[in-house]
Amino acid sequence: MESLEISARTVNEAVEQALARLGKTRDEVDISVLAEGSRGILGIGHEDARILVSVRQERERAPTPAQVAEVAKEVLEEILAGMGYADTTVELMPPATVRAGEPPAVVLDITGDDLGALIGRRGETLSSIQFLVNLIVGRRLRHWSRIVVDVEGYRGRREETLRGLAQRMADRVRAT
């Protein structure tokens, strides 16, 4: 089986590079995300995303978004139960478009009591859980789908905080 490991700034860029090098479409390959990478803060601490792309031997049908959502919810609930968070609720949220030109992501939101440990320091634990869910679902369905895991809207609040910080820094730079 022909396969290729690619590193790029984002998972999407890595997928595009791999597809171009292999001369295949997204439906003709299996994509495994090895590392999602990180943007760092203001470019410091940037890590590239890494993926493994394998050409499919036989033509497989891509799962429907509903199938992806069902399997993703099941996987997340299994992970949470294994971590001792069996009393949490996992809700399917409206799909989110992460970037233009990308298929919408399946969004799962975890609700419950005392979930700070699931978020971790600056969202590190949450990102790790999301990575595991993406990896397991990709293996089970033999198809890569973008799945976003959130805890009671943490990602949106964190994004707003970072936008505010960036705006304040830009204002300070303009002033000086």
N, C-alpha and C. Protein backbone atom coordinates (compact mmCIF):
# COMPACT_ATOMS: atom_id res chain seq x y z
N MET A 1 0.83 -1.17 0.00
CA MET A 1 0.00 0.00 0.00
C MET A 1 0.88 1.24 0.00
N GLU A 2 0.55 2.20 -0.85
CA GLU A 2 1.30 3.44 -0.96
C GLU A 2 0.87 4.39 0.14
N SER A 3 1.84 4.90 0.92
CA SER A 3 1.51 5.87 1.97
C SER A 3 2.59 6.93 2.04
N LEU A 4 2.25 8.04 2.71
CA LEU A 4 3.11 9.20 2.73
C LEU A 4 2.89 9.95 4.04
N GLU A 5 3.97 10.35 4.71
CA GLU A 5 3.86 11.16 5.92
C GLU A 5 4.24 12.59 5.56
N ILE A 6 3.38 13.55 5.95
CA ILE A 6 3.57 14.95 5.57
C ILE A 6 3.47 15.82 6.82
N SER A 7 4.30 16.87 6.88
CA SER A 7 4.22 17.89 7.92
C SER A 7 3.94 19.22 7.26
N ALA A 8 3.08 20.02 7.90
CA ALA A 8 2.75 21.35 7.40
C ALA A 8 2.22 22.17 8.57
N ARG A 9 1.94 23.45 8.31
CA ARG A 9 1.44 24.34 9.37
C ARG A 9 0.14 23.84 9.98
N THR A 10 -0.77 23.35 9.13
CA THR A 10 -2.06 22.86 9.61
C THR A 10 -2.33 21.48 9.03
N VAL A 11 -3.29 20.79 9.60
CA VAL A 11 -3.68 19.48 9.09
C VAL A 11 -4.20 19.62 7.67
N ASN A 12 -4.99 20.66 7.42
CA ASN A 12 -5.57 20.85 6.09
C ASN A 12 -4.48 21.08 5.04
N GLU A 13 -3.47 21.91 5.37
CA GLU A 13 -2.37 22.13 4.42
C GLU A 13 -1.61 20.84 4.15
N ALA A 14 -1.41 20.05 5.19
CA ALA A 14 -0.70 18.77 5.03
C ALA A 14 -1.50 17.83 4.13
N VAL A 15 -2.82 17.81 4.32
CA VAL A 15 -3.68 16.96 3.49
C VAL A 15 -3.59 17.40 2.03
N GLU A 16 -3.68 18.72 1.80
CA GLU A 16 -3.59 19.24 0.42
C GLU A 16 -2.26 18.87 -0.23
N GLN A 17 -1.17 19.01 0.51
CA GLN A 17 0.16 18.66 -0.03
C GLN A 17 0.22 17.17 -0.37
N ALA A 18 -0.28 16.34 0.53
CA ALA A 18 -0.23 14.89 0.31
C ALA A 18 -1.06 14.51 -0.91
N LEU A 19 -2.26 15.07 -1.02
CA LEU A 19 -3.12 14.76 -2.16
C LEU A 19 -2.47 15.20 -3.47
N ALA A 20 -1.82 16.35 -3.45
CA ALA A 20 -1.14 16.83 -4.66
C ALA A 20 0.02 15.91 -5.03
N ARG A 21 0.80 15.49 -4.03
CA ARG A 21 1.94 14.62 -4.31
C ARG A 21 1.52 13.23 -4.77
N LEU A 22 0.40 12.73 -4.22
CA LEU A 22 -0.07 11.40 -4.60
C LEU A 22 -0.94 11.43 -5.85
N GLY A 23 -1.45 12.62 -6.20
CA GLY A 23 -2.33 12.72 -7.35
C GLY A 23 -3.66 12.04 -7.11
N LYS A 24 -4.15 12.09 -5.88
CA LYS A 24 -5.40 11.43 -5.50
C LYS A 24 -6.38 12.46 -4.94
N THR A 25 -7.65 12.04 -4.84
CA THR A 25 -8.65 12.87 -4.19
C THR A 25 -8.79 12.40 -2.75
N ARG A 26 -9.50 13.21 -1.93
CA ARG A 26 -9.68 12.89 -0.52
C ARG A 26 -10.42 11.57 -0.33
N ASP A 27 -11.31 11.22 -1.26
CA ASP A 27 -12.07 9.98 -1.17
C ASP A 27 -11.24 8.74 -1.49
N GLU A 28 -10.07 8.92 -2.09
CA GLU A 28 -9.25 7.79 -2.49
C GLU A 28 -8.15 7.44 -1.49
N VAL A 29 -8.10 8.17 -0.36
CA VAL A 29 -7.04 7.95 0.62
C VAL A 29 -7.61 7.84 2.02
N ASP A 30 -6.82 7.24 2.91
CA ASP A 30 -7.10 7.23 4.35
C ASP A 30 -6.14 8.20 4.99
N ILE A 31 -6.65 9.05 5.86
CA ILE A 31 -5.82 10.07 6.50
C ILE A 31 -5.81 9.83 8.00
N SER A 32 -4.60 9.71 8.56
CA SER A 32 -4.43 9.59 10.01
C SER A 32 -3.68 10.81 10.49
N VAL A 33 -4.25 11.50 11.45
CA VAL A 33 -3.60 12.68 12.02
C VAL A 33 -2.64 12.19 13.10
N LEU A 34 -1.35 12.40 12.90
CA LEU A 34 -0.35 11.97 13.87
C LEU A 34 -0.14 13.04 14.94
N ALA A 35 -0.20 14.31 14.53
CA ALA A 35 -0.09 15.44 15.46
C ALA A 35 -0.81 16.61 14.84
N GLU A 36 -1.71 17.22 15.61
CA GLU A 36 -2.48 18.34 15.09
C GLU A 36 -1.67 19.62 15.01
N GLY A 37 -0.56 19.68 15.73
CA GLY A 37 0.26 20.88 15.72
C GLY A 37 -0.36 21.95 16.59
N SER A 38 0.35 23.05 16.73
CA SER A 38 -0.18 24.18 17.50
C SER A 38 0.35 25.46 16.90
N ARG A 39 -0.46 26.51 17.04
CA ARG A 39 -0.07 27.80 16.47
C ARG A 39 0.91 28.53 17.36
N GLY A 40 0.95 28.16 18.63
CA GLY A 40 1.79 28.88 19.55
C GLY A 40 1.17 30.23 19.86
N ILE A 41 1.86 31.04 20.59
CA ILE A 41 1.38 32.39 20.91
C ILE A 41 2.25 33.37 20.16
N LEU A 42 1.60 34.11 19.26
CA LEU A 42 2.29 35.07 18.41
C LEU A 42 3.43 34.41 17.64
N GLY A 43 3.23 33.16 17.25
CA GLY A 43 4.22 32.44 16.44
C GLY A 43 5.29 31.75 17.24
N ILE A 44 5.36 32.00 18.55
CA ILE A 44 6.38 31.37 19.39
C ILE A 44 5.83 30.05 19.89
N GLY A 45 6.59 28.99 19.72
CA GLY A 45 6.16 27.66 20.15
C GLY A 45 5.34 26.95 19.09
N HIS A 46 5.42 27.41 17.86
CA HIS A 46 4.67 26.80 16.75
C HIS A 46 5.15 25.37 16.51
N GLU A 47 4.19 24.46 16.32
CA GLU A 47 4.48 23.08 15.99
C GLU A 47 3.71 22.69 14.75
N ASP A 48 4.37 22.06 13.80
CA ASP A 48 3.70 21.64 12.57
C ASP A 48 2.77 20.46 12.83
N ALA A 49 1.73 20.39 12.01
CA ALA A 49 0.83 19.25 12.03
C ALA A 49 1.48 18.13 11.21
N ARG A 50 1.25 16.88 11.61
CA ARG A 50 1.78 15.74 10.87
C ARG A 50 0.65 14.77 10.60
N ILE A 51 0.60 14.27 9.35
CA ILE A 51 -0.42 13.30 8.98
C ILE A 51 0.22 12.14 8.23
N LEU A 52 -0.48 11.03 8.21
CA LEU A 52 -0.08 9.87 7.41
C LEU A 52 -1.22 9.62 6.44
N VAL A 53 -0.91 9.64 5.15
CA VAL A 53 -1.92 9.45 4.11
C VAL A 53 -1.61 8.15 3.39
N SER A 54 -2.61 7.26 3.34
CA SER A 54 -2.46 5.96 2.67
C SER A 54 -3.50 5.85 1.57
N VAL A 55 -3.06 5.39 0.41
CA VAL A 55 -3.98 5.19 -0.71
C VAL A 55 -4.83 3.95 -0.42
N ARG A 56 -6.14 4.09 -0.58
CA ARG A 56 -7.05 2.97 -0.36
C ARG A 56 -6.92 1.96 -1.50
N GLN A 57 -6.95 0.71 -1.13
CA GLN A 57 -6.86 -0.34 -2.13
C GLN A 57 -8.20 -0.60 -2.80
N GLU A 58 -9.26 -0.54 -2.02
CA GLU A 58 -10.57 -0.77 -2.59
C GLU A 58 -11.43 0.46 -2.34
N ARG A 59 -12.36 0.68 -3.18
CA ARG A 59 -13.22 1.86 -3.08
C ARG A 59 -14.16 1.71 -1.89
N GLU A 60 -14.07 2.63 -0.95
CA GLU A 60 -14.93 2.62 0.22
C GLU A 60 -15.81 3.86 0.20
N ARG A 61 -17.02 3.71 0.70
CA ARG A 61 -17.90 4.86 0.80
C ARG A 61 -17.60 5.62 2.07
N ALA A 62 -17.59 6.93 1.96
CA ALA A 62 -17.36 7.78 3.13
C ALA A 62 -18.58 7.72 4.04
N PRO A 63 -18.36 7.71 5.34
CA PRO A 63 -19.50 7.70 6.26
C PRO A 63 -20.26 9.02 6.20
N THR A 64 -21.53 8.99 6.52
CA THR A 64 -22.34 10.21 6.54
C THR A 64 -21.97 11.01 7.79
N PRO A 65 -22.24 12.32 7.78
CA PRO A 65 -21.98 13.12 8.99
C PRO A 65 -22.70 12.57 10.22
N ALA A 66 -23.89 12.02 10.03
CA ALA A 66 -24.63 11.45 11.16
C ALA A 66 -23.90 10.24 11.73
N GLN A 67 -23.32 9.41 10.85
CA GLN A 67 -22.56 8.25 11.31
C GLN A 67 -21.31 8.70 12.07
N VAL A 68 -20.63 9.70 11.54
CA VAL A 68 -19.43 10.22 12.20
C VAL A 68 -19.80 10.75 13.58
N ALA A 69 -20.88 11.53 13.65
CA ALA A 69 -21.31 12.12 14.92
C ALA A 69 -21.67 11.03 15.94
N GLU A 70 -22.36 10.00 15.49
CA GLU A 70 -22.76 8.91 16.38
C GLU A 70 -21.55 8.18 16.94
N VAL A 71 -20.61 7.84 16.08
CA VAL A 71 -19.41 7.12 16.52
C VAL A 71 -18.57 8.03 17.42
N ALA A 72 -18.43 9.30 17.05
CA ALA A 72 -17.63 10.24 17.85
C ALA A 72 -18.21 10.40 19.26
N LYS A 73 -19.52 10.52 19.35
CA LYS A 73 -20.18 10.66 20.66
C LYS A 73 -19.95 9.41 21.49
N GLU A 74 -20.08 8.25 20.87
CA GLU A 74 -19.85 6.97 21.55
C GLU A 74 -18.41 6.88 22.08
N VAL A 75 -17.46 7.23 21.24
CA VAL A 75 -16.03 7.17 21.62
C VAL A 75 -15.75 8.13 22.76
N LEU A 76 -16.27 9.36 22.66
CA LEU A 76 -16.03 10.34 23.72
C LEU A 76 -16.64 9.88 25.04
N GLU A 77 -17.83 9.32 25.00
CA GLU A 77 -18.46 8.82 26.22
C GLU A 77 -17.64 7.68 26.83
N GLU A 78 -17.06 6.82 26.00
CA GLU A 78 -16.20 5.73 26.50
C GLU A 78 -14.95 6.31 27.17
N ILE A 79 -14.35 7.30 26.56
CA ILE A 79 -13.14 7.92 27.13
C ILE A 79 -13.47 8.58 28.46
N LEU A 80 -14.58 9.34 28.49
CA LEU A 80 -14.98 10.03 29.73
C LEU A 80 -15.28 9.03 30.85
N ALA A 81 -15.95 7.94 30.52
CA ALA A 81 -16.25 6.91 31.52
C ALA A 81 -14.95 6.31 32.06
N GLY A 82 -13.99 6.08 31.19
CA GLY A 82 -12.70 5.54 31.60
C GLY A 82 -11.92 6.51 32.48
N MET A 83 -12.20 7.81 32.33
CA MET A 83 -11.53 8.83 33.14
C MET A 83 -12.28 9.11 34.44
N GLY A 84 -13.42 8.44 34.64
CA GLY A 84 -14.19 8.67 35.85
C GLY A 84 -15.22 9.77 35.72
N TYR A 85 -15.57 10.16 34.52
CA TYR A 85 -16.57 11.20 34.28
C TYR A 85 -17.82 10.61 33.64
N ALA A 86 -18.32 9.52 34.20
CA ALA A 86 -19.48 8.84 33.63
C ALA A 86 -20.76 9.65 33.80
N ASP A 87 -20.78 10.60 34.76
CA ASP A 87 -22.00 11.38 35.01
C ASP A 87 -22.09 12.64 34.14
N THR A 88 -21.23 12.77 33.15
CA THR A 88 -21.28 13.92 32.25
C THR A 88 -22.24 13.64 31.10
N THR A 89 -22.61 14.70 30.39
CA THR A 89 -23.48 14.59 29.23
C THR A 89 -22.72 15.07 28.01
N VAL A 90 -22.80 14.33 26.93
CA VAL A 90 -22.16 14.73 25.67
C VAL A 90 -23.27 15.09 24.70
N GLU A 91 -23.25 16.34 24.22
CA GLU A 91 -24.26 16.82 23.28
C GLU A 91 -23.63 17.09 21.93
N LEU A 92 -24.37 16.78 20.89
CA LEU A 92 -23.96 17.11 19.53
C LEU A 92 -24.40 18.55 19.26
N MET A 93 -23.47 19.40 18.92
CA MET A 93 -23.76 20.81 18.64
C MET A 93 -23.87 20.99 17.13
N PRO A 94 -24.38 22.15 16.69
CA PRO A 94 -24.44 22.40 15.24
C PRO A 94 -23.04 22.33 14.64
N PRO A 95 -22.91 21.81 13.42
CA PRO A 95 -21.59 21.70 12.79
C PRO A 95 -20.93 23.06 12.68
N ALA A 96 -19.62 23.07 12.79
CA ALA A 96 -18.85 24.31 12.70
C ALA A 96 -17.91 24.24 11.52
N THR A 97 -17.80 25.34 10.80
CA THR A 97 -16.83 25.43 9.72
C THR A 97 -15.55 25.99 10.32
N VAL A 98 -14.50 25.18 10.33
CA VAL A 98 -13.23 25.60 10.92
C VAL A 98 -12.52 26.56 9.98
N ARG A 99 -12.46 26.22 8.70
CA ARG A 99 -11.84 27.08 7.69
C ARG A 99 -12.65 26.97 6.40
N ALA A 100 -12.62 28.03 5.62
CA ALA A 100 -13.33 28.02 4.34
C ALA A 100 -12.77 26.91 3.46
N GLY A 101 -13.64 26.21 2.76
CA GLY A 101 -13.22 25.14 1.88
C GLY A 101 -13.10 23.79 2.55
N GLU A 102 -13.20 23.76 3.88
CA GLU A 102 -13.14 22.51 4.63
C GLU A 102 -14.55 22.02 4.90
N PRO A 103 -14.74 20.71 4.97
CA PRO A 103 -16.07 20.24 5.37
C PRO A 103 -16.33 20.65 6.83
N PRO A 104 -17.59 20.86 7.20
CA PRO A 104 -17.87 21.27 8.58
C PRO A 104 -17.44 20.20 9.58
N ALA A 105 -17.03 20.65 10.74
CA ALA A 105 -16.58 19.75 11.79
C ALA A 105 -17.75 19.31 12.64
N VAL A 106 -17.68 18.07 13.14
CA VAL A 106 -18.64 17.58 14.12
C VAL A 106 -18.20 18.18 15.46
N VAL A 107 -19.13 18.82 16.16
CA VAL A 107 -18.82 19.47 17.43
C VAL A 107 -19.55 18.76 18.56
N LEU A 108 -18.78 18.30 19.55
CA LEU A 108 -19.34 17.64 20.73
C LEU A 108 -19.03 18.50 21.95
N ASP A 109 -20.05 18.79 22.75
CA ASP A 109 -19.88 19.62 23.94
C ASP A 109 -20.17 18.77 25.17
N ILE A 110 -19.25 18.80 26.13
CA ILE A 110 -19.38 18.03 27.36
C ILE A 110 -19.94 18.97 28.44
N THR A 111 -20.98 18.52 29.13
CA THR A 111 -21.52 19.30 30.24
C THR A 111 -21.59 18.42 31.48
N GLY A 112 -21.48 19.06 32.63
CA GLY A 112 -21.51 18.33 33.89
C GLY A 112 -20.95 19.19 34.99
N ASP A 113 -20.66 18.57 36.12
CA ASP A 113 -20.13 19.28 37.28
C ASP A 113 -18.63 19.09 37.38
N ASP A 114 -17.94 20.15 37.79
CA ASP A 114 -16.51 20.11 38.09
C ASP A 114 -15.68 19.52 36.95
N LEU A 115 -15.71 20.20 35.79
CA LEU A 115 -15.03 19.68 34.60
C LEU A 115 -13.71 20.40 34.30
N GLY A 116 -13.23 21.18 35.24
CA GLY A 116 -11.97 21.92 35.03
C GLY A 116 -10.80 21.01 34.69
N ALA A 117 -10.77 19.83 35.29
CA ALA A 117 -9.67 18.89 35.02
C ALA A 117 -9.72 18.39 33.58
N LEU A 118 -10.91 18.35 32.97
CA LEU A 118 -11.01 17.93 31.57
C LEU A 118 -10.41 18.98 30.63
N ILE A 119 -10.46 20.23 31.05
CA ILE A 119 -9.89 21.30 30.21
C ILE A 119 -8.37 21.31 30.36
N GLY A 120 -7.90 21.24 31.60
CA GLY A 120 -6.46 21.24 31.84
C GLY A 120 -5.88 22.63 31.70
N ARG A 121 -4.58 22.72 31.85
CA ARG A 121 -3.89 24.01 31.76
C ARG A 121 -3.94 24.51 30.33
N ARG A 122 -4.56 25.66 30.15
CA ARG A 122 -4.71 26.30 28.83
C ARG A 122 -5.31 25.37 27.78
N GLY A 123 -6.14 24.44 28.20
CA GLY A 123 -6.85 23.57 27.27
C GLY A 123 -6.05 22.38 26.78
N GLU A 124 -4.91 22.08 27.41
CA GLU A 124 -4.06 20.99 26.93
C GLU A 124 -4.74 19.63 27.05
N THR A 125 -5.41 19.38 28.16
CA THR A 125 -6.09 18.09 28.34
C THR A 125 -7.23 17.96 27.33
N LEU A 126 -7.97 19.04 27.15
CA LEU A 126 -9.07 19.04 26.19
C LEU A 126 -8.56 18.76 24.77
N SER A 127 -7.45 19.37 24.40
CA SER A 127 -6.86 19.12 23.08
C SER A 127 -6.42 17.66 22.93
N SER A 128 -5.90 17.09 23.99
CA SER A 128 -5.48 15.68 23.95
C SER A 128 -6.69 14.76 23.80
N ILE A 129 -7.77 15.07 24.51
CA ILE A 129 -8.99 14.27 24.38
C ILE A 129 -9.51 14.37 22.96
N GLN A 130 -9.52 15.59 22.41
CA GLN A 130 -9.98 15.79 21.03
C GLN A 130 -9.12 15.00 20.05
N PHE A 131 -7.82 15.01 20.25
CA PHE A 131 -6.91 14.26 19.39
C PHE A 131 -7.24 12.76 19.43
N LEU A 132 -7.45 12.23 20.65
CA LEU A 132 -7.78 10.81 20.78
C LEU A 132 -9.10 10.47 20.10
N VAL A 133 -10.10 11.32 20.27
CA VAL A 133 -11.40 11.07 19.64
C VAL A 133 -11.24 11.06 18.12
N ASN A 134 -10.53 12.05 17.57
CA ASN A 134 -10.30 12.10 16.12
C ASN A 134 -9.58 10.85 15.63
N LEU A 135 -8.57 10.42 16.36
CA LEU A 135 -7.79 9.26 15.97
C LEU A 135 -8.63 7.97 16.01
N ILE A 136 -9.35 7.76 17.10
CA ILE A 136 -10.14 6.54 17.25
C ILE A 136 -11.27 6.49 16.23
N VAL A 137 -11.97 7.60 16.04
CA VAL A 137 -13.06 7.64 15.06
C VAL A 137 -12.52 7.41 13.66
N GLY A 138 -11.38 8.00 13.35
CA GLY A 138 -10.77 7.80 12.04
C GLY A 138 -10.42 6.34 11.79
N ARG A 139 -9.93 5.68 12.81
CA ARG A 139 -9.59 4.25 12.66
C ARG A 139 -10.84 3.39 12.54
N ARG A 140 -11.85 3.69 13.35
CA ARG A 140 -13.08 2.88 13.31
C ARG A 140 -13.81 3.01 11.99
N LEU A 141 -13.88 4.24 11.48
CA LEU A 141 -14.64 4.47 10.25
C LEU A 141 -13.77 4.37 8.99
N ARG A 142 -12.46 4.29 9.20
CA ARG A 142 -11.51 4.25 8.07
C ARG A 142 -11.70 5.47 7.17
N HIS A 143 -11.97 6.59 7.82
CA HIS A 143 -12.18 7.84 7.10
C HIS A 143 -11.88 8.98 8.07
N TRP A 144 -11.12 9.99 7.61
CA TRP A 144 -10.78 11.11 8.47
C TRP A 144 -11.91 12.12 8.45
N SER A 145 -12.35 12.52 9.63
CA SER A 145 -13.36 13.56 9.80
C SER A 145 -12.88 14.48 10.91
N ARG A 146 -13.17 15.74 10.79
CA ARG A 146 -12.78 16.72 11.81
C ARG A 146 -13.81 16.71 12.92
N ILE A 147 -13.37 16.43 14.15
CA ILE A 147 -14.25 16.40 15.31
C ILE A 147 -13.68 17.38 16.34
N VAL A 148 -14.52 18.29 16.80
CA VAL A 148 -14.12 19.27 17.80
C VAL A 148 -14.79 18.90 19.11
N VAL A 149 -14.00 18.80 20.18
CA VAL A 149 -14.53 18.49 21.51
C VAL A 149 -14.39 19.75 22.36
N ASP A 150 -15.48 20.12 23.04
CA ASP A 150 -15.50 21.32 23.87
C ASP A 150 -16.08 20.96 25.23
N VAL A 151 -15.76 21.77 26.24
CA VAL A 151 -16.31 21.60 27.58
C VAL A 151 -17.04 22.88 27.94
N GLU A 152 -18.36 22.82 27.92
CA GLU A 152 -19.23 23.93 28.30
C GLU A 152 -18.81 25.26 27.66
N GLY A 153 -18.50 25.23 26.37
CA GLY A 153 -18.17 26.44 25.62
C GLY A 153 -16.80 27.02 25.90
N TYR A 154 -15.89 26.24 26.48
CA TYR A 154 -14.55 26.74 26.83
C TYR A 154 -13.81 27.29 25.62
N ARG A 155 -13.84 26.59 24.51
CA ARG A 155 -13.06 27.01 23.34
C ARG A 155 -13.48 28.39 22.86
N GLY A 156 -14.76 28.68 22.84
CA GLY A 156 -15.24 30.00 22.42
C GLY A 156 -14.78 31.08 23.37
N ARG A 157 -14.87 30.82 24.68
CA ARG A 157 -14.41 31.80 25.68
C ARG A 157 -12.91 32.02 25.55
N ARG A 158 -12.16 30.96 25.35
CA ARG A 158 -10.69 31.07 25.22
C ARG A 158 -10.33 31.86 23.96
N GLU A 159 -11.05 31.61 22.87
CA GLU A 159 -10.79 32.34 21.64
C GLU A 159 -11.04 33.83 21.83
N GLU A 160 -12.13 34.18 22.51
CA GLU A 160 -12.43 35.59 22.76
C GLU A 160 -11.36 36.22 23.64
N THR A 161 -10.88 35.51 24.65
CA THR A 161 -9.82 36.01 25.52
C THR A 161 -8.56 36.29 24.70
N LEU A 162 -8.19 35.35 23.83
CA LEU A 162 -6.99 35.52 23.01
C LEU A 162 -7.15 36.65 21.99
N ARG A 163 -8.36 36.79 21.43
CA ARG A 163 -8.61 37.91 20.51
C ARG A 163 -8.46 39.24 21.24
N GLY A 164 -9.00 39.31 22.46
CA GLY A 164 -8.88 40.53 23.26
C GLY A 164 -7.43 40.85 23.56
N LEU A 165 -6.66 39.84 23.92
CA LEU A 165 -5.23 40.03 24.19
C LEU A 165 -4.51 40.53 22.94
N ALA A 166 -4.78 39.90 21.80
CA ALA A 166 -4.14 40.33 20.55
C ALA A 166 -4.52 41.76 20.21
N GLN A 167 -5.78 42.13 20.42
CA GLN A 167 -6.22 43.49 20.13
C GLN A 167 -5.52 44.50 21.04
N ARG A 168 -5.42 44.17 22.34
CA ARG A 168 -4.72 45.07 23.28
C ARG A 168 -3.26 45.23 22.90
N MET A 169 -2.61 44.14 22.52
CA MET A 169 -1.20 44.22 22.11
C MET A 169 -1.05 45.06 20.83
N ALA A 170 -1.97 44.89 19.89
CA ALA A 170 -1.92 45.68 18.66
C ALA A 170 -2.13 47.15 18.96
N ASP A 171 -3.05 47.47 19.87
CA ASP A 171 -3.29 48.87 20.27
C ASP A 171 -2.05 49.45 20.93
N ARG A 172 -1.40 48.65 21.77
CA ARG A 172 -0.19 49.12 22.46
C ARG A 172 0.93 49.38 21.46
N VAL A 173 1.07 48.50 20.47
CA VAL A 173 2.11 48.67 19.43
C VAL A 173 1.83 49.95 18.64
N ARG A 174 0.55 50.17 18.28
CA ARG A 174 0.20 51.39 17.54
C ARG A 174 0.50 52.63 18.36
N ALA A 175 0.25 52.57 19.67
CA ALA A 175 0.44 53.73 20.54
C ALA A 175 1.92 54.05 20.73
N THR A 176 2.77 53.03 20.69
CA THR A 176 4.20 53.28 20.93
C THR A 176 4.94 53.27 19.63
